[in-house]
């Protein structure tokens, strides 16, 4: 199965937005957690989801560049 560069770009955008939303939810909810260990775990989850959003953004930009032909010809 082959995925076009344009489809990969849109899929990265959707996945990145979902990951950014999860990170934002974890960050905004962390101060309300009473237990310090659980609060730190919430910040760790937020960092993980933020990292995944960053990876999705990088691959989305690479897919966009491939779709525009900036990384070589698309066959």
Protein backbone atom coordinates (compact mmCIF):
# COMPACT_ATOMS: atom_id res chain seq x y z
CA UNK A 1 0.00 0.00 0.00
CA UNK A 2 1.35 3.39 -0.96
CA UNK A 3 0.37 6.65 0.68
CA UNK A 4 0.82 9.84 -1.29
CA UNK A 5 2.88 12.67 0.16
CA UNK A 6 -0.19 14.91 0.31
CA UNK A 7 -2.21 12.31 2.22
CA UNK A 8 0.71 11.76 4.61
CA UNK A 9 0.86 15.51 5.22
CA UNK A 10 -2.83 15.64 6.17
CA UNK A 11 -2.55 12.54 8.33
CA UNK A 12 0.42 14.08 10.17
CA UNK A 13 -1.60 17.25 10.71
CA UNK A 14 -4.52 15.36 12.24
CA UNK A 15 -2.27 13.18 14.39
CA UNK A 16 -0.25 16.21 15.50
CA UNK A 17 -3.40 18.07 16.53
CA UNK A 18 -4.65 15.08 18.52
CA UNK A 19 -1.29 14.77 20.26
CA UNK A 20 -1.13 18.51 20.97
CA UNK A 21 -4.64 18.35 22.41
CA UNK A 22 -3.69 15.48 24.70
CA UNK A 23 -0.57 17.35 25.85
CA UNK A 24 -2.57 20.51 26.52
CA UNK A 25 -5.18 18.55 28.46
CA UNK A 26 -2.48 16.93 30.61
CA UNK A 27 -0.77 20.28 31.22
CA UNK A 28 -3.93 22.14 32.18
CA UNK A 29 -5.17 19.35 34.43
CA UNK A 30 -1.90 18.72 36.25
CA UNK A 31 -2.15 21.58 38.79
CA UNK A 32 -5.48 20.23 40.08
CA UNK A 33 -4.00 16.83 41.04
CA UNK A 34 -3.46 16.67 44.79
CA UNK A 35 -0.84 13.89 44.87
CA UNK A 36 2.64 15.12 43.93
CA UNK A 37 3.66 11.83 42.29
CA UNK A 38 0.57 11.78 40.09
CA UNK A 39 1.11 15.44 39.21
CA UNK A 40 4.66 14.70 38.07
CA UNK A 41 3.37 11.72 36.07
CA UNK A 42 0.85 14.03 34.40
CA UNK A 43 3.66 16.37 33.38
CA UNK A 44 5.54 13.36 32.01
CA UNK A 45 2.52 12.34 29.93
CA UNK A 46 2.23 15.89 28.65
CA UNK A 47 5.88 15.87 27.62
CA UNK A 48 5.42 12.55 25.83
CA UNK A 49 2.37 13.77 23.89
CA UNK A 50 4.16 17.02 23.11
CA UNK A 51 7.09 15.03 21.74
CA UNK A 52 4.73 13.01 19.54
CA UNK A 53 3.18 16.26 18.27
CA UNK A 54 6.65 17.54 17.41
CA UNK A 55 7.50 14.34 15.53
CA UNK A 56 4.22 14.57 13.60
CA UNK A 57 5.00 18.20 12.71
CA UNK A 58 8.47 17.28 11.42
CA UNK A 59 7.15 14.45 9.28
CA UNK A 60 4.28 16.64 8.11
CA UNK A 61 6.73 19.29 6.92
CA UNK A 62 8.83 16.64 5.19
CA UNK A 63 5.72 15.27 3.48
CA UNK A 64 4.73 18.77 2.40
CA UNK A 65 8.19 19.33 0.96
CA UNK A 66 7.97 16.03 -0.92
CA UNK A 67 4.54 16.97 -2.29
CA UNK A 68 5.89 20.32 -3.52
CA UNK A 69 8.92 18.65 -5.09
CA UNK A 70 11.48 20.37 -2.89
CA UNK A 71 13.17 17.10 -1.91
CA UNK A 72 13.35 15.61 -5.37
CA UNK A 73 10.87 14.36 -7.91
CA UNK A 74 7.80 12.42 -6.88
CA UNK A 75 7.32 9.30 -8.95
